[in-house]
């Protein structure tokens, strides 16, 4: 029987980062969407608003805005989350 092939640590780390980065970005999007909601983005205007339709679709707009912020570089939260996820995987071993 052949011994298992050992992948160099640098390659494992890059593979983990590529796999975990989209998850970290999704977490940042969710966080930013909640913060935008708390700041009042997506709330209906009192005058000349879109009515019930605007209220129903406001969360989609806020989520799309949060995605665009993250695509443009975000607030650096993705990198912090990514480092924490990778540290957790290293600890699990």
C-alpha atoms as a PDB file:
ATOM      1  CA  UNK A   1       0.000   0.000   0.000  1.00  0.00           C
ATOM      2  CA  UNK A   2       1.261   3.477  -0.900  1.00  0.00           C
ATOM      3  CA  UNK A   3       1.598   6.096   1.814  1.00  0.00           C
ATOM      4  CA  UNK A   4      -0.868   9.006   1.643  1.00  0.00           C
ATOM      5  CA  UNK A   5       0.261  12.033  -0.292  1.00  0.00           C
ATOM      6  CA  UNK A   6       1.035  14.969   1.963  1.00  0.00           C
ATOM      7  CA  UNK A   7      -0.050  18.327   0.617  1.00  0.00           C
ATOM      8  CA  UNK A   8       2.266  21.155   1.683  1.00  0.00           C
ATOM      9  CA  UNK A   9       0.808  23.374   4.393  1.00  0.00           C
ATOM     10  CA  UNK A  10       0.916  26.480   2.157  1.00  0.00           C
ATOM     11  CA  UNK A  11      -1.229  24.709  -0.462  1.00  0.00           C
ATOM     12  CA  UNK A  12      -3.696  23.540   2.199  1.00  0.00           C
ATOM     13  CA  UNK A  13      -3.969  27.051   3.586  1.00  0.00           C
ATOM     14  CA  UNK A  14      -4.608  28.563   0.151  1.00  0.00           C
ATOM     15  CA  UNK A  15      -7.206  25.889  -0.584  1.00  0.00           C
ATOM     16  CA  UNK A  16      -8.946  26.529   2.713  1.00  0.00           C
ATOM     17  CA  UNK A  17      -8.928  30.282   2.132  1.00  0.00           C
ATOM     18  CA  UNK A  18     -10.435  29.876  -1.337  1.00  0.00           C
ATOM     19  CA  UNK A  19     -13.142  27.611   0.063  1.00  0.00           C
ATOM     20  CA  UNK A  20     -13.896  29.717   3.154  1.00  0.00           C
ATOM     21  CA  UNK A  21     -13.733  33.220   1.606  1.00  0.00           C
ATOM     22  CA  UNK A  22     -17.251  33.080   0.066  1.00  0.00           C
ATOM     23  CA  UNK A  23     -18.626  32.032   3.448  1.00  0.00           C
ATOM     24  CA  UNK A  24     -16.858  34.913   5.162  1.00  0.00           C
ATOM     25  CA  UNK A  25     -18.210  37.320   2.532  1.00  0.00           C
ATOM     26  CA  UNK A  26     -21.748  36.027   3.078  1.00  0.00           C
ATOM     27  CA  UNK A  27     -21.374  36.656   6.797  1.00  0.00           C
ATOM     28  CA  UNK A  28     -20.177  40.211   6.137  1.00  0.00           C
ATOM     29  CA  UNK A  29     -23.123  40.789   3.765  1.00  0.00           C
ATOM     30  CA  UNK A  30     -25.555  39.594   6.423  1.00  0.00           C
ATOM     31  CA  UNK A  31     -23.948  41.784   9.066  1.00  0.00           C
ATOM     32  CA  UNK A  32     -23.943  44.854   6.812  1.00  0.00           C
ATOM     33  CA  UNK A  33     -27.565  44.277   5.797  1.00  0.00           C
ATOM     34  CA  UNK A  34     -28.578  44.254   9.463  1.00  0.00           C
ATOM     35  CA  UNK A  35     -26.547  47.388  10.142  1.00  0.00           C
ATOM     36  CA  UNK A  36     -28.088  49.153   7.131  1.00  0.00           C
ATOM     37  CA  UNK A  37     -31.558  48.186   8.372  1.00  0.00           C
ATOM     38  CA  UNK A  38     -30.720  49.532  11.817  1.00  0.00           C
ATOM     39  CA  UNK A  39     -29.502  52.779  10.239  1.00  0.00           C
ATOM     40  CA  UNK A  40     -32.827  53.204   8.450  1.00  0.00           C
ATOM     41  CA  UNK A  41     -31.961  52.154   4.915  1.00  0.00           C
ATOM     42  CA  UNK A  42     -34.934  50.562   3.237  1.00  0.00           C
ATOM     43  CA  UNK A  43     -37.501  52.399   5.332  1.00  0.00           C
ATOM     44  CA  UNK A  44     -40.453  53.864   3.475  1.00  0.00           C
ATOM     45  CA  UNK A  45     -40.581  57.590   3.018  1.00  0.00           C
ATOM     46  CA  UNK A  46     -43.568  59.407   4.454  1.00  0.00           C
ATOM     47  CA  UNK A  47     -44.344  61.326   1.293  1.00  0.00           C
ATOM     48  CA  UNK A  48     -44.252  59.904  -2.227  1.00  0.00           C
ATOM     49  CA  UNK A  49     -43.171  56.481  -1.000  1.00  0.00           C
ATOM     50  CA  UNK A  50     -43.823  53.196  -2.760  1.00  0.00           C
ATOM     51  CA  UNK A  51     -46.474  52.001  -0.337  1.00  0.00           C
ATOM     52  CA  UNK A  52     -46.855  48.360   0.633  1.00  0.00           C
ATOM     53  CA  UNK A  53     -44.797  47.168  -2.331  1.00  0.00           C
ATOM     54  CA  UNK A  54     -41.837  49.216  -1.219  1.00  0.00           C
ATOM     55  CA  UNK A  55     -42.090  47.802   2.286  1.00  0.00           C
ATOM     56  CA  UNK A  56     -42.252  44.251   0.976  1.00  0.00           C
ATOM     57  CA  UNK A  57     -39.167  44.553  -1.219  1.00  0.00           C
ATOM     58  CA  UNK A  58     -37.040  46.836   0.961  1.00  0.00           C
ATOM     59  CA  UNK A  59     -35.090  43.911   2.442  1.00  0.00           C
ATOM     60  CA  UNK A  60     -34.012  42.819  -1.063  1.00  0.00           C
ATOM     61  CA  UNK A  61     -32.695  46.308  -1.787  1.00  0.00           C
ATOM     62  CA  UNK A  62     -30.796  46.477   1.492  1.00  0.00           C
ATOM     63  CA  UNK A  63     -29.293  43.029   0.885  1.00  0.00           C
ATOM     64  CA  UNK A  64     -28.221  44.051  -2.656  1.00  0.00           C
ATOM     65  CA  UNK A  65     -26.638  47.227  -1.277  1.00  0.00           C
ATOM     66  CA  UNK A  66     -24.753  45.193   1.325  1.00  0.00           C
ATOM     67  CA  UNK A  67     -23.509  42.806  -1.394  1.00  0.00           C
ATOM     68  CA  UNK A  68     -22.216  45.736  -3.435  1.00  0.00           C
ATOM     69  CA  UNK A  69     -20.413  47.173  -0.412  1.00  0.00           C
ATOM     70  CA  UNK A  70     -18.689  43.827   0.182  1.00  0.00           C
ATOM     71  CA  UNK A  71     -17.779  43.468  -3.524  1.00  0.00           C
ATOM     72  CA  UNK A  72     -16.229  46.931  -3.369  1.00  0.00           C
ATOM     73  CA  UNK A  73     -14.023  45.862  -0.465  1.00  0.00           C
ATOM     74  CA  UNK A  74     -16.387  46.071   2.484  1.00  0.00           C
ATOM     75  CA  UNK A  75     -15.133  47.120   5.877  1.00  0.00           C
ATOM     76  CA  UNK A  76     -12.487  44.428   6.233  1.00  0.00           C
ATOM     77  CA  UNK A  77     -14.797  42.175   8.177  1.00  0.00           C
ATOM     78  CA  UNK A  78     -14.431  39.397   5.590  1.00  0.00           C
ATOM     79  CA  UNK A  79     -10.709  39.079   6.306  1.00  0.00           C
ATOM     80  CA  UNK A  80     -11.252  38.945  10.064  1.00  0.00           C
ATOM     81  CA  UNK A  81     -13.951  36.296   9.692  1.00  0.00           C
ATOM     82  CA  UNK A  82     -11.777  34.342   7.242  1.00  0.00           C
ATOM     83  CA  UNK A  83      -8.844  34.319   9.670  1.00  0.00           C
ATOM     84  CA  UNK A  84     -11.122  33.128  12.483  1.00  0.00           C
ATOM     85  CA  UNK A  85     -12.582  30.347  10.316  1.00  0.00           C
ATOM     86  CA  UNK A  86      -9.121  29.208   9.240  1.00  0.00           C
ATOM     87  CA  UNK A  87      -7.871  29.250  12.840  1.00  0.00           C
ATOM     88  CA  UNK A  88     -10.848  27.135  13.828  1.00  0.00           C
ATOM     89  CA  UNK A  89     -10.090  24.613  11.097  1.00  0.00           C
ATOM     90  CA  UNK A  90      -6.433  24.443  12.142  1.00  0.00           C
ATOM     91  CA  UNK A  91      -7.496  23.800  15.730  1.00  0.00           C
ATOM     92  CA  UNK A  92      -9.874  21.043  14.609  1.00  0.00           C
ATOM     93  CA  UNK A  93      -7.009  19.643  12.692  1.00  0.00           C
END
